[in-house]
Amino acid sequence: MDHMGSGSNSTCQMSDMIWNWDVIDTCFISSGWHNTTRGAFAASCIGVTFMAVLLELLRRVARDYDRLILKQLSNVSIKLQNHRPRRATPLQQLIRSLIHVAVFGVAYLLMLLVMSFNGYLIFSILIGTGIGKFFCDWLVLGVESTTNDEEPTVCCG
């Protein structure tokens, strides 16, 4: 077990990539995220759960925004002799890119948290993605499918 810290009384416990259930004196991602009490650790778990819900929400926002752009583009009248491809505007593409960066960033942060091998955090992420999927990706018949053949996580895409 590695210990991090410089002159302080409490040090961070790092798990050396072994499954653990540590609560007190745990650090995640950096020594700045140091849980010294059970309450701080519980707040970390709640925050990580919300981060996972945020990831599912951002994925939904990305799909809905793409669908909105496609709908706008399909409503544009085209002269028959002009067969140029229709594209998103630069502003629309910038917004799409910013949403993608947010999805990618949150997904990588969650991946780093999973790499702490802390059982409580991993279950917090699983619970958050389940809640996020439940509320942000409700399947409705008669509406264009919101699911596609994308990877289960965005971190490797």
N, C-alpha and C. Protein backbone atom coordinates (compact mmCIF):
# COMPACT_ATOMS: atom_id res chain seq x y z
N MET A 1 0.85 -1.17 0.00
CA MET A 1 0.00 0.00 0.00
C MET A 1 0.90 1.23 0.00
N ASP A 2 0.68 2.12 -0.94
CA ASP A 2 1.43 3.36 -1.01
C ASP A 2 0.77 4.40 -0.13
N HIS A 3 1.59 5.25 0.45
CA HIS A 3 1.06 6.36 1.24
C HIS A 3 1.55 7.65 0.63
N MET A 4 0.63 8.59 0.45
CA MET A 4 0.98 9.88 -0.12
C MET A 4 0.77 10.94 0.94
N GLY A 5 1.54 11.96 0.88
CA GLY A 5 1.36 13.06 1.82
C GLY A 5 2.71 13.66 2.15
N SER A 6 2.70 14.90 2.58
CA SER A 6 3.96 15.56 2.90
C SER A 6 3.81 16.28 4.22
N GLY A 7 4.17 15.61 5.28
CA GLY A 7 4.19 16.24 6.58
C GLY A 7 2.86 16.31 7.28
N SER A 8 1.78 15.86 6.69
CA SER A 8 0.49 15.92 7.37
C SER A 8 0.28 14.66 8.19
N ASN A 9 -0.64 14.75 9.16
CA ASN A 9 -0.91 13.61 10.03
C ASN A 9 -1.63 12.48 9.33
N SER A 10 -2.50 12.78 8.39
CA SER A 10 -3.23 11.72 7.70
C SER A 10 -2.68 11.57 6.29
N THR A 11 -2.64 10.34 5.86
CA THR A 11 -2.12 10.06 4.53
C THR A 11 -3.18 9.34 3.71
N CYS A 12 -3.02 9.42 2.42
CA CYS A 12 -3.95 8.75 1.52
C CYS A 12 -3.60 7.28 1.42
N GLN A 13 -4.64 6.46 1.44
CA GLN A 13 -4.44 5.04 1.19
C GLN A 13 -4.65 4.78 -0.29
N MET A 14 -3.69 4.19 -0.93
CA MET A 14 -3.81 3.80 -2.33
C MET A 14 -3.82 2.29 -2.37
N SER A 15 -4.67 1.71 -3.19
CA SER A 15 -4.95 0.28 -3.11
C SER A 15 -4.01 -0.61 -3.90
N ASP A 16 -3.07 -0.08 -4.66
CA ASP A 16 -2.18 -0.88 -5.50
C ASP A 16 -2.98 -1.78 -6.43
N MET A 17 -4.06 -1.26 -6.98
CA MET A 17 -4.90 -1.96 -7.95
C MET A 17 -5.45 -3.28 -7.42
N ILE A 18 -5.89 -3.26 -6.18
CA ILE A 18 -6.51 -4.42 -5.55
C ILE A 18 -7.89 -3.99 -5.07
N TRP A 19 -8.89 -4.83 -5.32
CA TRP A 19 -10.25 -4.54 -4.88
C TRP A 19 -10.24 -4.19 -3.40
N ASN A 20 -10.90 -3.11 -3.02
CA ASN A 20 -10.89 -2.70 -1.61
C ASN A 20 -12.22 -2.06 -1.24
N TRP A 21 -12.42 -1.98 0.07
CA TRP A 21 -13.61 -1.34 0.64
C TRP A 21 -13.17 -0.24 1.60
N ASP A 22 -12.01 0.38 1.36
CA ASP A 22 -11.48 1.42 2.23
C ASP A 22 -12.40 2.65 2.20
N VAL A 23 -12.53 3.28 3.36
CA VAL A 23 -13.39 4.45 3.48
C VAL A 23 -12.60 5.65 4.00
N ILE A 24 -11.91 5.48 5.12
CA ILE A 24 -11.19 6.58 5.76
C ILE A 24 -9.80 6.71 5.13
N ASP A 25 -9.36 7.96 4.96
CA ASP A 25 -8.06 8.30 4.38
C ASP A 25 -7.88 7.75 2.97
N THR A 26 -8.96 7.77 2.19
CA THR A 26 -8.86 7.37 0.79
C THR A 26 -8.70 8.61 -0.07
N CYS A 27 -7.97 8.46 -1.14
CA CYS A 27 -7.80 9.52 -2.12
C CYS A 27 -8.18 8.97 -3.49
N PHE A 28 -8.84 9.80 -4.28
CA PHE A 28 -9.24 9.39 -5.61
C PHE A 28 -8.75 10.43 -6.62
N ILE A 29 -8.17 9.98 -7.68
CA ILE A 29 -7.65 10.76 -8.80
C ILE A 29 -6.44 11.60 -8.38
N SER A 30 -6.51 12.31 -7.26
CA SER A 30 -5.35 13.08 -6.79
C SER A 30 -5.40 13.17 -5.26
N SER A 31 -4.32 13.63 -4.68
CA SER A 31 -4.29 13.76 -3.22
C SER A 31 -5.21 14.88 -2.74
N GLY A 32 -5.66 15.73 -3.64
CA GLY A 32 -6.62 16.78 -3.29
C GLY A 32 -8.00 16.24 -2.97
N TRP A 33 -8.31 15.04 -3.47
CA TRP A 33 -9.60 14.40 -3.19
C TRP A 33 -9.36 13.38 -2.09
N HIS A 34 -9.19 13.89 -0.88
CA HIS A 34 -8.81 13.08 0.28
C HIS A 34 -10.01 12.99 1.21
N ASN A 35 -10.49 11.78 1.44
CA ASN A 35 -11.63 11.55 2.33
C ASN A 35 -11.11 11.19 3.72
N THR A 36 -11.28 12.09 4.68
CA THR A 36 -10.77 11.85 6.03
C THR A 36 -11.85 11.36 6.99
N THR A 37 -13.12 11.45 6.57
CA THR A 37 -14.22 11.00 7.43
C THR A 37 -15.19 10.15 6.61
N ARG A 38 -16.03 9.43 7.33
CA ARG A 38 -17.07 8.64 6.65
C ARG A 38 -18.04 9.54 5.90
N GLY A 39 -18.34 10.69 6.47
CA GLY A 39 -19.23 11.64 5.82
C GLY A 39 -18.67 12.15 4.50
N ALA A 40 -17.38 12.47 4.50
CA ALA A 40 -16.73 12.93 3.26
C ALA A 40 -16.75 11.82 2.22
N PHE A 41 -16.53 10.59 2.66
CA PHE A 41 -16.55 9.47 1.72
C PHE A 41 -17.96 9.27 1.17
N ALA A 42 -18.98 9.37 2.03
CA ALA A 42 -20.37 9.24 1.57
C ALA A 42 -20.70 10.34 0.56
N ALA A 43 -20.24 11.55 0.82
CA ALA A 43 -20.45 12.64 -0.13
C ALA A 43 -19.75 12.35 -1.46
N SER A 44 -18.57 11.74 -1.40
CA SER A 44 -17.87 11.36 -2.63
C SER A 44 -18.68 10.34 -3.41
N CYS A 45 -19.23 9.36 -2.73
CA CYS A 45 -20.05 8.34 -3.41
C CYS A 45 -21.29 8.96 -4.04
N ILE A 46 -21.93 9.87 -3.32
CA ILE A 46 -23.11 10.54 -3.87
C ILE A 46 -22.73 11.39 -5.08
N GLY A 47 -21.62 12.10 -4.97
CA GLY A 47 -21.15 12.91 -6.09
C GLY A 47 -20.80 12.08 -7.31
N VAL A 48 -20.17 10.93 -7.09
CA VAL A 48 -19.82 10.04 -8.19
C VAL A 48 -21.08 9.47 -8.83
N THR A 49 -22.10 9.18 -8.03
CA THR A 49 -23.37 8.71 -8.57
C THR A 49 -23.97 9.76 -9.48
N PHE A 50 -23.97 11.01 -9.03
CA PHE A 50 -24.50 12.09 -9.86
C PHE A 50 -23.65 12.30 -11.11
N MET A 51 -22.35 12.09 -11.01
CA MET A 51 -21.48 12.21 -12.18
C MET A 51 -21.86 11.16 -13.24
N ALA A 52 -22.18 9.95 -12.79
CA ALA A 52 -22.59 8.90 -13.73
C ALA A 52 -23.95 9.23 -14.35
N VAL A 53 -24.87 9.80 -13.56
CA VAL A 53 -26.15 10.25 -14.10
C VAL A 53 -25.90 11.35 -15.14
N LEU A 54 -24.98 12.26 -14.83
CA LEU A 54 -24.63 13.33 -15.76
C LEU A 54 -24.13 12.77 -17.08
N LEU A 55 -23.33 11.72 -17.04
CA LEU A 55 -22.84 11.11 -18.27
C LEU A 55 -24.00 10.64 -19.13
N GLU A 56 -24.96 9.95 -18.54
CA GLU A 56 -26.12 9.48 -19.32
C GLU A 56 -26.94 10.66 -19.84
N LEU A 57 -27.06 11.71 -19.05
CA LEU A 57 -27.79 12.90 -19.49
C LEU A 57 -27.08 13.56 -20.68
N LEU A 58 -25.76 13.68 -20.61
CA LEU A 58 -25.00 14.27 -21.71
C LEU A 58 -25.11 13.44 -22.98
N ARG A 59 -25.12 12.13 -22.83
CA ARG A 59 -25.30 11.26 -24.01
C ARG A 59 -26.67 11.51 -24.64
N ARG A 60 -27.68 11.67 -23.81
CA ARG A 60 -29.03 11.94 -24.31
C ARG A 60 -29.07 13.30 -25.00
N VAL A 61 -28.45 14.30 -24.39
CA VAL A 61 -28.43 15.64 -24.98
C VAL A 61 -27.76 15.59 -26.35
N ALA A 62 -26.67 14.84 -26.47
CA ALA A 62 -25.96 14.72 -27.75
C ALA A 62 -26.86 14.10 -28.82
N ARG A 63 -27.55 13.02 -28.46
CA ARG A 63 -28.45 12.38 -29.43
C ARG A 63 -29.60 13.30 -29.82
N ASP A 64 -30.20 13.97 -28.84
CA ASP A 64 -31.32 14.87 -29.14
C ASP A 64 -30.88 16.06 -29.97
N TYR A 65 -29.70 16.58 -29.70
CA TYR A 65 -29.21 17.72 -30.47
C TYR A 65 -28.94 17.31 -31.91
N ASP A 66 -28.34 16.14 -32.10
CA ASP A 66 -28.12 15.64 -33.46
C ASP A 66 -29.45 15.45 -34.19
N ARG A 67 -30.44 14.92 -33.49
CA ARG A 67 -31.77 14.71 -34.09
C ARG A 67 -32.39 16.05 -34.47
N LEU A 68 -32.21 17.08 -33.63
CA LEU A 68 -32.74 18.40 -33.93
C LEU A 68 -32.08 18.97 -35.19
N ILE A 69 -30.77 18.84 -35.29
CA ILE A 69 -30.06 19.34 -36.47
C ILE A 69 -30.53 18.61 -37.72
N LEU A 70 -30.66 17.29 -37.63
CA LEU A 70 -31.13 16.52 -38.79
C LEU A 70 -32.53 16.94 -39.20
N LYS A 71 -33.39 17.21 -38.24
CA LYS A 71 -34.75 17.67 -38.56
C LYS A 71 -34.72 19.03 -39.24
N GLN A 72 -33.87 19.93 -38.74
CA GLN A 72 -33.75 21.24 -39.36
C GLN A 72 -33.22 21.13 -40.78
N LEU A 73 -32.24 20.26 -40.97
CA LEU A 73 -31.65 20.11 -42.30
C LEU A 73 -32.64 19.47 -43.28
N SER A 74 -33.48 18.58 -42.79
CA SER A 74 -34.45 17.94 -43.68
C SER A 74 -35.57 18.90 -44.07
N ASN A 75 -35.79 19.96 -43.30
CA ASN A 75 -36.82 20.94 -43.62
C ASN A 75 -36.34 22.02 -44.56
N VAL A 76 -35.06 22.06 -44.85
CA VAL A 76 -34.51 23.08 -45.74
C VAL A 76 -34.88 22.70 -47.17
N SER A 77 -35.47 23.64 -47.87
CA SER A 77 -35.83 23.35 -49.26
C SER A 77 -34.59 23.45 -50.15
N ILE A 78 -34.48 22.49 -51.05
CA ILE A 78 -33.32 22.44 -51.95
C ILE A 78 -33.84 22.54 -53.37
N LYS A 79 -33.18 23.37 -54.15
CA LYS A 79 -33.53 23.44 -55.57
C LYS A 79 -33.09 22.14 -56.22
N LEU A 80 -33.87 21.67 -57.15
CA LEU A 80 -33.57 20.39 -57.79
C LEU A 80 -32.23 20.37 -58.49
N GLN A 81 -31.80 21.49 -59.07
CA GLN A 81 -30.53 21.50 -59.79
C GLN A 81 -29.34 21.64 -58.85
N ASN A 82 -29.55 21.96 -57.59
CA ASN A 82 -28.45 22.15 -56.65
C ASN A 82 -28.39 20.93 -55.72
N HIS A 83 -27.42 20.06 -55.92
CA HIS A 83 -27.32 18.82 -55.14
C HIS A 83 -26.16 18.87 -54.15
N ARG A 84 -25.90 20.02 -53.57
CA ARG A 84 -24.84 20.13 -52.57
C ARG A 84 -25.27 19.42 -51.29
N PRO A 85 -24.32 18.81 -50.61
CA PRO A 85 -24.68 18.17 -49.33
C PRO A 85 -25.06 19.23 -48.29
N ARG A 86 -26.04 18.91 -47.49
CA ARG A 86 -26.43 19.81 -46.41
C ARG A 86 -25.62 19.45 -45.18
N ARG A 87 -25.11 20.45 -44.50
CA ARG A 87 -24.27 20.24 -43.33
C ARG A 87 -24.76 21.12 -42.18
N ALA A 88 -24.34 20.72 -40.99
CA ALA A 88 -24.60 21.56 -39.83
C ALA A 88 -23.83 22.86 -39.99
N THR A 89 -24.36 23.91 -39.38
CA THR A 89 -23.65 25.19 -39.41
C THR A 89 -22.40 25.09 -38.53
N PRO A 90 -21.43 25.99 -38.72
CA PRO A 90 -20.25 25.95 -37.84
C PRO A 90 -20.60 26.05 -36.35
N LEU A 91 -21.60 26.87 -36.01
CA LEU A 91 -22.02 26.98 -34.60
C LEU A 91 -22.61 25.65 -34.11
N GLN A 92 -23.45 25.02 -34.91
CA GLN A 92 -24.02 23.73 -34.54
C GLN A 92 -22.92 22.68 -34.35
N GLN A 93 -21.94 22.69 -35.26
CA GLN A 93 -20.84 21.73 -35.15
C GLN A 93 -19.99 22.01 -33.92
N LEU A 94 -19.79 23.29 -33.59
CA LEU A 94 -19.05 23.64 -32.38
C LEU A 94 -19.78 23.14 -31.14
N ILE A 95 -21.09 23.32 -31.10
CA ILE A 95 -21.87 22.84 -29.96
C ILE A 95 -21.79 21.32 -29.87
N ARG A 96 -21.91 20.63 -31.01
CA ARG A 96 -21.77 19.17 -31.02
C ARG A 96 -20.41 18.75 -30.47
N SER A 97 -19.36 19.48 -30.87
CA SER A 97 -18.01 19.15 -30.40
C SER A 97 -17.87 19.38 -28.90
N LEU A 98 -18.44 20.46 -28.39
CA LEU A 98 -18.36 20.74 -26.96
C LEU A 98 -19.11 19.70 -26.14
N ILE A 99 -20.26 19.28 -26.63
CA ILE A 99 -21.00 18.21 -25.94
C ILE A 99 -20.17 16.93 -25.94
N HIS A 100 -19.53 16.63 -27.08
CA HIS A 100 -18.70 15.43 -27.17
C HIS A 100 -17.53 15.49 -26.18
N VAL A 101 -16.90 16.65 -26.07
CA VAL A 101 -15.79 16.82 -25.12
C VAL A 101 -16.29 16.59 -23.70
N ALA A 102 -17.46 17.11 -23.37
CA ALA A 102 -18.02 16.92 -22.03
C ALA A 102 -18.29 15.43 -21.76
N VAL A 103 -18.89 14.73 -22.73
CA VAL A 103 -19.16 13.30 -22.57
C VAL A 103 -17.84 12.55 -22.39
N PHE A 104 -16.88 12.84 -23.23
CA PHE A 104 -15.58 12.16 -23.18
C PHE A 104 -14.88 12.42 -21.85
N GLY A 105 -14.90 13.67 -21.40
CA GLY A 105 -14.25 14.03 -20.14
C GLY A 105 -14.87 13.34 -18.94
N VAL A 106 -16.21 13.36 -18.84
CA VAL A 106 -16.88 12.71 -17.72
C VAL A 106 -16.64 11.21 -17.76
N ALA A 107 -16.67 10.61 -18.96
CA ALA A 107 -16.44 9.17 -19.08
C ALA A 107 -15.03 8.81 -18.61
N TYR A 108 -14.04 9.59 -18.97
CA TYR A 108 -12.68 9.30 -18.54
C TYR A 108 -12.50 9.49 -17.03
N LEU A 109 -13.13 10.50 -16.46
CA LEU A 109 -13.06 10.66 -15.01
C LEU A 109 -13.66 9.46 -14.30
N LEU A 110 -14.80 8.97 -14.81
CA LEU A 110 -15.41 7.79 -14.21
C LEU A 110 -14.51 6.57 -14.38
N MET A 111 -13.84 6.46 -15.53
CA MET A 111 -12.91 5.35 -15.73
C MET A 111 -11.77 5.41 -14.72
N LEU A 112 -11.24 6.60 -14.48
CA LEU A 112 -10.16 6.74 -13.49
C LEU A 112 -10.66 6.37 -12.10
N LEU A 113 -11.89 6.71 -11.78
CA LEU A 113 -12.45 6.34 -10.48
C LEU A 113 -12.62 4.83 -10.36
N VAL A 114 -13.03 4.18 -11.42
CA VAL A 114 -13.13 2.71 -11.40
C VAL A 114 -11.76 2.10 -11.15
N MET A 115 -10.73 2.73 -11.67
CA MET A 115 -9.37 2.19 -11.51
C MET A 115 -8.85 2.32 -10.09
N SER A 116 -9.62 2.96 -9.20
CA SER A 116 -9.25 2.97 -7.79
C SER A 116 -9.58 1.62 -7.15
N PHE A 117 -10.40 0.81 -7.83
CA PHE A 117 -10.82 -0.51 -7.37
C PHE A 117 -11.55 -0.46 -6.04
N ASN A 118 -12.14 0.69 -5.72
CA ASN A 118 -12.91 0.81 -4.49
C ASN A 118 -14.34 0.34 -4.77
N GLY A 119 -14.77 -0.69 -4.07
CA GLY A 119 -16.08 -1.27 -4.30
C GLY A 119 -17.22 -0.29 -4.15
N TYR A 120 -17.13 0.60 -3.16
CA TYR A 120 -18.20 1.58 -2.96
C TYR A 120 -18.33 2.53 -4.15
N LEU A 121 -17.19 2.99 -4.67
CA LEU A 121 -17.23 3.90 -5.81
C LEU A 121 -17.73 3.19 -7.07
N ILE A 122 -17.28 1.96 -7.27
CA ILE A 122 -17.72 1.22 -8.45
C ILE A 122 -19.23 1.01 -8.40
N PHE A 123 -19.76 0.62 -7.25
CA PHE A 123 -21.20 0.45 -7.14
C PHE A 123 -21.93 1.78 -7.27
N SER A 124 -21.33 2.87 -6.81
CA SER A 124 -21.93 4.20 -6.99
C SER A 124 -22.04 4.54 -8.48
N ILE A 125 -21.00 4.21 -9.25
CA ILE A 125 -21.03 4.44 -10.69
C ILE A 125 -22.10 3.58 -11.36
N LEU A 126 -22.17 2.32 -10.98
CA LEU A 126 -23.18 1.43 -11.56
C LEU A 126 -24.59 1.91 -11.24
N ILE A 127 -24.81 2.32 -10.00
CA ILE A 127 -26.12 2.84 -9.62
C ILE A 127 -26.44 4.11 -10.40
N GLY A 128 -25.45 5.00 -10.54
CA GLY A 128 -25.66 6.24 -11.28
C GLY A 128 -25.97 6.01 -12.74
N THR A 129 -25.28 5.07 -13.38
CA THR A 129 -25.58 4.81 -14.78
C THR A 129 -26.95 4.16 -14.93
N GLY A 130 -27.34 3.34 -13.97
CA GLY A 130 -28.68 2.75 -14.01
C GLY A 130 -29.76 3.81 -13.85
N ILE A 131 -29.58 4.71 -12.89
CA ILE A 131 -30.54 5.80 -12.70
C ILE A 131 -30.57 6.68 -13.95
N GLY A 132 -29.40 7.00 -14.47
CA GLY A 132 -29.32 7.84 -15.67
C GLY A 132 -30.00 7.20 -16.86
N LYS A 133 -29.78 5.92 -17.06
CA LYS A 133 -30.43 5.22 -18.18
C LYS A 133 -31.95 5.22 -17.99
N PHE A 134 -32.39 4.99 -16.76
CA PHE A 134 -33.82 4.95 -16.47
C PHE A 134 -34.49 6.29 -16.80
N PHE A 135 -33.89 7.39 -16.38
CA PHE A 135 -34.53 8.69 -16.56
C PHE A 135 -34.19 9.38 -17.88
N CYS A 136 -33.03 9.10 -18.45
CA CYS A 136 -32.58 9.85 -19.63
C CYS A 136 -32.73 9.11 -20.94
N ASP A 137 -33.07 7.84 -20.91
CA ASP A 137 -33.13 7.09 -22.16
C ASP A 137 -34.36 6.19 -22.15
N TRP A 138 -35.51 6.81 -21.91
CA TRP A 138 -36.76 6.06 -21.85
C TRP A 138 -37.15 5.68 -23.28
N LEU A 139 -37.40 4.40 -23.51
CA LEU A 139 -37.76 3.91 -24.83
C LEU A 139 -39.25 4.10 -25.06
N VAL A 140 -39.59 4.73 -26.19
CA VAL A 140 -40.98 5.01 -26.52
C VAL A 140 -41.25 4.46 -27.92
N LEU A 141 -42.32 3.69 -28.06
CA LEU A 141 -42.69 3.18 -29.38
C LEU A 141 -43.21 4.30 -30.25
N GLY A 142 -42.94 4.20 -31.54
CA GLY A 142 -43.43 5.20 -32.48
C GLY A 142 -42.52 6.39 -32.60
N VAL A 143 -41.41 6.39 -31.89
CA VAL A 143 -40.44 7.46 -31.96
C VAL A 143 -39.14 6.85 -32.45
N GLU A 144 -38.41 7.62 -33.24
CA GLU A 144 -37.14 7.14 -33.74
C GLU A 144 -36.29 6.63 -32.58
N SER A 145 -35.66 5.50 -32.76
CA SER A 145 -34.88 4.87 -31.70
C SER A 145 -33.77 5.79 -31.22
N THR A 146 -33.57 5.84 -29.91
CA THR A 146 -32.48 6.65 -29.36
C THR A 146 -31.23 5.82 -29.16
N THR A 147 -31.34 4.51 -29.39
CA THR A 147 -30.17 3.67 -29.23
C THR A 147 -29.61 3.34 -30.60
N ASN A 148 -28.32 3.17 -30.66
CA ASN A 148 -27.68 2.76 -31.90
C ASN A 148 -26.55 1.82 -31.56
N ASP A 149 -25.76 1.49 -32.52
CA ASP A 149 -24.70 0.51 -32.30
C ASP A 149 -23.43 1.16 -31.75
N GLU A 150 -23.58 2.01 -30.75
CA GLU A 150 -22.41 2.65 -30.17
C GLU A 150 -21.84 1.75 -29.07
N GLU A 151 -20.61 2.04 -28.72
CA GLU A 151 -19.96 1.26 -27.69
C GLU A 151 -20.62 1.54 -26.34
N PRO A 152 -20.51 0.61 -25.37
CA PRO A 152 -21.14 0.83 -24.07
C PRO A 152 -20.56 2.03 -23.33
N THR A 153 -19.30 2.33 -23.58
CA THR A 153 -18.72 3.54 -22.98
C THR A 153 -18.10 4.38 -24.07
N VAL A 154 -18.01 5.65 -23.83
CA VAL A 154 -17.49 6.56 -24.84
C VAL A 154 -15.97 6.66 -24.73
N CYS A 155 -15.38 6.15 -23.66
CA CYS A 155 -13.97 6.41 -23.41
C CYS A 155 -13.06 5.81 -24.47
N CYS A 156 -13.48 4.81 -25.18
CA CYS A 156 -12.61 4.18 -26.17
C CYS A 156 -13.02 4.50 -27.60
N GLY A 157 -13.99 5.39 -27.78
CA GLY A 157 -14.51 5.69 -29.11
C GLY A 157 -13.82 6.80 -29.70
